[in-house]
Amino acid sequence: MDAYRKITAGMALHLRPDGLAAFETGIGQGEAVAALCREQGFTVTAVVKDYAGIDRMVFAVRPGSRKAGLVENLVKNI
């Protein structure tokens, strides 16, 4: 989780306002990584499971981003 903390801490400085952050996660890390993103203002998040049902990807954008709909659709289709 240390790497995710470091990345998310500087994420807002390195992504454009409508940028999309994507993370590959390990078993049991999806919600924790999504929470780190939300702490940094990327409040539209989706945790996507792999074919084995394990949290595998986290997507995050800022509210109002042009990509917010894309991430929200991921949540609906899970």
N, C-alpha and C. Protein backbone atom coordinates (compact mmCIF):
# COMPACT_ATOMS: atom_id res chain seq x y z
N MET A 1 0.82 -1.20 0.00
CA MET A 1 0.00 0.00 0.00
C MET A 1 0.86 1.27 0.00
N ASP A 2 2.12 1.16 0.40
CA ASP A 2 2.98 2.35 0.45
C ASP A 2 3.11 3.01 -0.92
N ALA A 3 3.27 2.21 -1.96
CA ALA A 3 3.40 2.77 -3.31
C ALA A 3 2.13 3.50 -3.71
N TYR A 4 0.98 2.94 -3.39
CA TYR A 4 -0.29 3.60 -3.72
C TYR A 4 -0.43 4.92 -2.97
N ARG A 5 0.00 4.94 -1.72
CA ARG A 5 -0.07 6.18 -0.94
C ARG A 5 0.79 7.27 -1.57
N LYS A 6 1.99 6.91 -2.01
CA LYS A 6 2.88 7.88 -2.64
C LYS A 6 2.32 8.38 -3.96
N ILE A 7 1.81 7.48 -4.75
CA ILE A 7 1.26 7.87 -6.06
C ILE A 7 0.04 8.76 -5.89
N THR A 8 -0.90 8.36 -5.03
CA THR A 8 -2.12 9.15 -4.89
C THR A 8 -1.85 10.50 -4.24
N ALA A 9 -0.83 10.59 -3.40
CA ALA A 9 -0.52 11.87 -2.74
C ALA A 9 -0.15 12.94 -3.77
N GLY A 10 0.49 12.56 -4.87
CA GLY A 10 0.88 13.53 -5.88
C GLY A 10 0.03 13.50 -7.13
N MET A 11 -1.00 12.70 -7.10
CA MET A 11 -1.82 12.48 -8.30
C MET A 11 -2.44 13.76 -8.84
N ALA A 12 -2.96 14.60 -7.98
CA ALA A 12 -3.64 15.82 -8.43
C ALA A 12 -2.69 16.77 -9.15
N LEU A 13 -1.41 16.71 -8.81
CA LEU A 13 -0.42 17.58 -9.45
C LEU A 13 -0.03 17.09 -10.84
N HIS A 14 -0.21 15.82 -11.10
CA HIS A 14 0.29 15.23 -12.34
C HIS A 14 -0.78 14.88 -13.35
N LEU A 15 -2.04 14.92 -12.95
CA LEU A 15 -3.12 14.64 -13.89
C LEU A 15 -3.83 15.92 -14.28
N ARG A 16 -4.23 15.99 -15.53
CA ARG A 16 -5.04 17.12 -15.99
C ARG A 16 -6.37 17.10 -15.24
N PRO A 17 -7.06 18.23 -15.22
CA PRO A 17 -8.34 18.26 -14.49
C PRO A 17 -9.33 17.17 -14.90
N ASP A 18 -9.30 16.77 -16.17
CA ASP A 18 -10.20 15.69 -16.61
C ASP A 18 -9.46 14.37 -16.77
N GLY A 19 -8.30 14.24 -16.11
CA GLY A 19 -7.50 13.02 -16.21
C GLY A 19 -8.12 11.83 -15.51
N LEU A 20 -7.72 10.67 -15.95
CA LEU A 20 -8.20 9.41 -15.40
C LEU A 20 -7.02 8.68 -14.77
N ALA A 21 -7.16 8.25 -13.53
CA ALA A 21 -6.14 7.44 -12.87
C ALA A 21 -6.60 5.99 -12.89
N ALA A 22 -5.66 5.09 -13.20
CA ALA A 22 -5.98 3.66 -13.22
C ALA A 22 -4.87 2.91 -12.49
N PHE A 23 -5.28 2.01 -11.63
CA PHE A 23 -4.35 1.22 -10.83
C PHE A 23 -4.68 -0.26 -10.95
N GLU A 24 -3.65 -1.08 -11.05
CA GLU A 24 -3.84 -2.51 -10.90
C GLU A 24 -3.58 -2.82 -9.43
N THR A 25 -4.45 -3.61 -8.82
CA THR A 25 -4.33 -3.88 -7.39
C THR A 25 -4.23 -5.38 -7.12
N GLY A 26 -3.79 -5.69 -5.93
CA GLY A 26 -3.71 -7.07 -5.48
C GLY A 26 -4.95 -7.45 -4.69
N ILE A 27 -4.98 -8.68 -4.26
CA ILE A 27 -6.12 -9.20 -3.51
C ILE A 27 -6.39 -8.34 -2.28
N GLY A 28 -7.63 -7.88 -2.14
CA GLY A 28 -8.04 -7.13 -0.97
C GLY A 28 -7.61 -5.67 -0.94
N GLN A 29 -7.03 -5.15 -2.03
CA GLN A 29 -6.55 -3.77 -2.02
C GLN A 29 -7.46 -2.79 -2.74
N GLY A 30 -8.42 -3.26 -3.49
CA GLY A 30 -9.24 -2.39 -4.33
C GLY A 30 -9.90 -1.25 -3.59
N GLU A 31 -10.66 -1.56 -2.57
CA GLU A 31 -11.38 -0.52 -1.84
C GLU A 31 -10.43 0.43 -1.11
N ALA A 32 -9.31 -0.10 -0.62
CA ALA A 32 -8.34 0.75 0.07
C ALA A 32 -7.70 1.75 -0.89
N VAL A 33 -7.38 1.30 -2.10
CA VAL A 33 -6.80 2.21 -3.10
C VAL A 33 -7.85 3.23 -3.55
N ALA A 34 -9.09 2.80 -3.72
CA ALA A 34 -10.16 3.74 -4.08
C ALA A 34 -10.33 4.80 -2.99
N ALA A 35 -10.22 4.40 -1.73
CA ALA A 35 -10.33 5.36 -0.62
C ALA A 35 -9.20 6.37 -0.67
N LEU A 36 -7.98 5.93 -0.98
CA LEU A 36 -6.86 6.86 -1.11
C LEU A 36 -7.12 7.88 -2.22
N CYS A 37 -7.70 7.42 -3.31
CA CYS A 37 -8.04 8.33 -4.42
C CYS A 37 -9.08 9.35 -3.98
N ARG A 38 -10.10 8.88 -3.27
CA ARG A 38 -11.15 9.79 -2.81
C ARG A 38 -10.59 10.83 -1.85
N GLU A 39 -9.63 10.44 -1.01
CA GLU A 39 -9.00 11.40 -0.10
C GLU A 39 -8.31 12.54 -0.84
N GLN A 40 -7.90 12.29 -2.08
CA GLN A 40 -7.20 13.30 -2.88
C GLN A 40 -8.14 14.06 -3.81
N GLY A 41 -9.45 13.87 -3.65
CA GLY A 41 -10.42 14.61 -4.45
C GLY A 41 -10.91 13.90 -5.70
N PHE A 42 -10.45 12.69 -5.92
CA PHE A 42 -10.90 11.89 -7.06
C PHE A 42 -12.07 11.03 -6.57
N THR A 43 -13.21 11.67 -6.43
CA THR A 43 -14.32 11.04 -5.72
C THR A 43 -15.18 10.13 -6.58
N VAL A 44 -14.96 10.13 -7.90
CA VAL A 44 -15.68 9.19 -8.76
C VAL A 44 -14.75 8.01 -8.98
N THR A 45 -15.06 6.89 -8.33
CA THR A 45 -14.17 5.74 -8.39
C THR A 45 -14.93 4.47 -8.75
N ALA A 46 -14.19 3.52 -9.31
CA ALA A 46 -14.75 2.20 -9.61
C ALA A 46 -13.68 1.16 -9.30
N VAL A 47 -14.09 0.10 -8.64
CA VAL A 47 -13.22 -1.05 -8.40
C VAL A 47 -13.76 -2.18 -9.27
N VAL A 48 -12.92 -2.69 -10.16
CA VAL A 48 -13.33 -3.71 -11.12
C VAL A 48 -12.65 -5.03 -10.76
N LYS A 49 -13.45 -6.08 -10.76
CA LYS A 49 -12.93 -7.40 -10.42
C LYS A 49 -12.45 -8.13 -11.68
N ASP A 50 -11.51 -9.07 -11.50
CA ASP A 50 -11.07 -9.90 -12.61
C ASP A 50 -12.02 -11.09 -12.74
N TYR A 51 -11.70 -12.01 -13.66
CA TYR A 51 -12.60 -13.15 -13.89
C TYR A 51 -12.71 -14.08 -12.69
N ALA A 52 -11.76 -14.01 -11.78
CA ALA A 52 -11.82 -14.84 -10.57
C ALA A 52 -12.59 -14.15 -9.45
N GLY A 53 -13.09 -12.92 -9.72
CA GLY A 53 -13.84 -12.20 -8.71
C GLY A 53 -12.99 -11.42 -7.73
N ILE A 54 -11.72 -11.23 -8.06
CA ILE A 54 -10.79 -10.52 -7.19
C ILE A 54 -10.67 -9.06 -7.65
N ASP A 55 -10.69 -8.12 -6.70
CA ASP A 55 -10.47 -6.71 -7.05
C ASP A 55 -9.17 -6.63 -7.84
N ARG A 56 -9.22 -6.07 -9.05
CA ARG A 56 -8.02 -6.03 -9.88
C ARG A 56 -7.66 -4.64 -10.38
N MET A 57 -8.66 -3.81 -10.67
CA MET A 57 -8.40 -2.48 -11.20
C MET A 57 -9.20 -1.43 -10.42
N VAL A 58 -8.59 -0.28 -10.24
CA VAL A 58 -9.28 0.86 -9.64
C VAL A 58 -9.15 2.01 -10.63
N PHE A 59 -10.26 2.64 -10.94
CA PHE A 59 -10.30 3.81 -11.80
C PHE A 59 -10.82 4.98 -10.99
N ALA A 60 -10.23 6.16 -11.18
CA ALA A 60 -10.65 7.32 -10.40
C ALA A 60 -10.53 8.59 -11.23
N VAL A 61 -11.53 9.46 -11.09
CA VAL A 61 -11.53 10.78 -11.73
C VAL A 61 -12.11 11.80 -10.76
N ARG A 62 -11.88 13.05 -11.09
CA ARG A 62 -12.48 14.12 -10.29
C ARG A 62 -13.96 14.26 -10.66
N PRO A 63 -14.77 14.73 -9.72
CA PRO A 63 -16.19 14.97 -10.05
C PRO A 63 -16.27 16.02 -11.13
N GLY A 64 -17.19 15.85 -12.05
CA GLY A 64 -17.37 16.80 -13.15
C GLY A 64 -16.46 16.56 -14.32
N SER A 65 -15.55 15.61 -14.21
CA SER A 65 -14.65 15.28 -15.31
C SER A 65 -15.44 14.74 -16.49
N ARG A 66 -14.90 14.95 -17.69
CA ARG A 66 -15.54 14.39 -18.89
C ARG A 66 -15.54 12.87 -18.85
N LYS A 67 -14.64 12.31 -18.07
CA LYS A 67 -14.54 10.85 -17.97
C LYS A 67 -15.35 10.28 -16.80
N ALA A 68 -16.02 11.13 -16.05
CA ALA A 68 -16.79 10.66 -14.89
C ALA A 68 -17.86 9.67 -15.32
N GLY A 69 -18.52 9.92 -16.42
CA GLY A 69 -19.55 9.01 -16.91
C GLY A 69 -19.01 7.63 -17.22
N LEU A 70 -17.81 7.59 -17.78
CA LEU A 70 -17.16 6.32 -18.08
C LEU A 70 -16.95 5.51 -16.81
N VAL A 71 -16.42 6.15 -15.78
CA VAL A 71 -16.15 5.45 -14.51
C VAL A 71 -17.48 5.07 -13.84
N GLU A 72 -18.45 5.94 -13.88
CA GLU A 72 -19.76 5.62 -13.28
C GLU A 72 -20.40 4.42 -13.98
N ASN A 73 -20.22 4.31 -15.30
CA ASN A 73 -20.76 3.16 -16.04
C ASN A 73 -20.05 1.87 -15.65
N LEU A 74 -18.77 1.95 -15.33
CA LEU A 74 -18.07 0.76 -14.86
C LEU A 74 -18.72 0.23 -13.59
N VAL A 75 -19.09 1.14 -12.69
CA VAL A 75 -19.72 0.75 -11.43
C VAL A 75 -21.07 0.08 -11.71
N LYS A 76 -21.84 0.65 -12.63
CA LYS A 76 -23.17 0.10 -12.93
C LYS A 76 -23.09 -1.27 -13.57
N ASN A 77 -22.03 -1.52 -14.36
CA ASN A 77 -21.92 -2.77 -15.10
C ASN A 77 -21.16 -3.86 -14.37
N ILE A 78 -20.83 -3.61 -13.13
CA ILE A 78 -20.07 -4.62 -12.37
C ILE A 78 -21.02 -5.61 -11.76
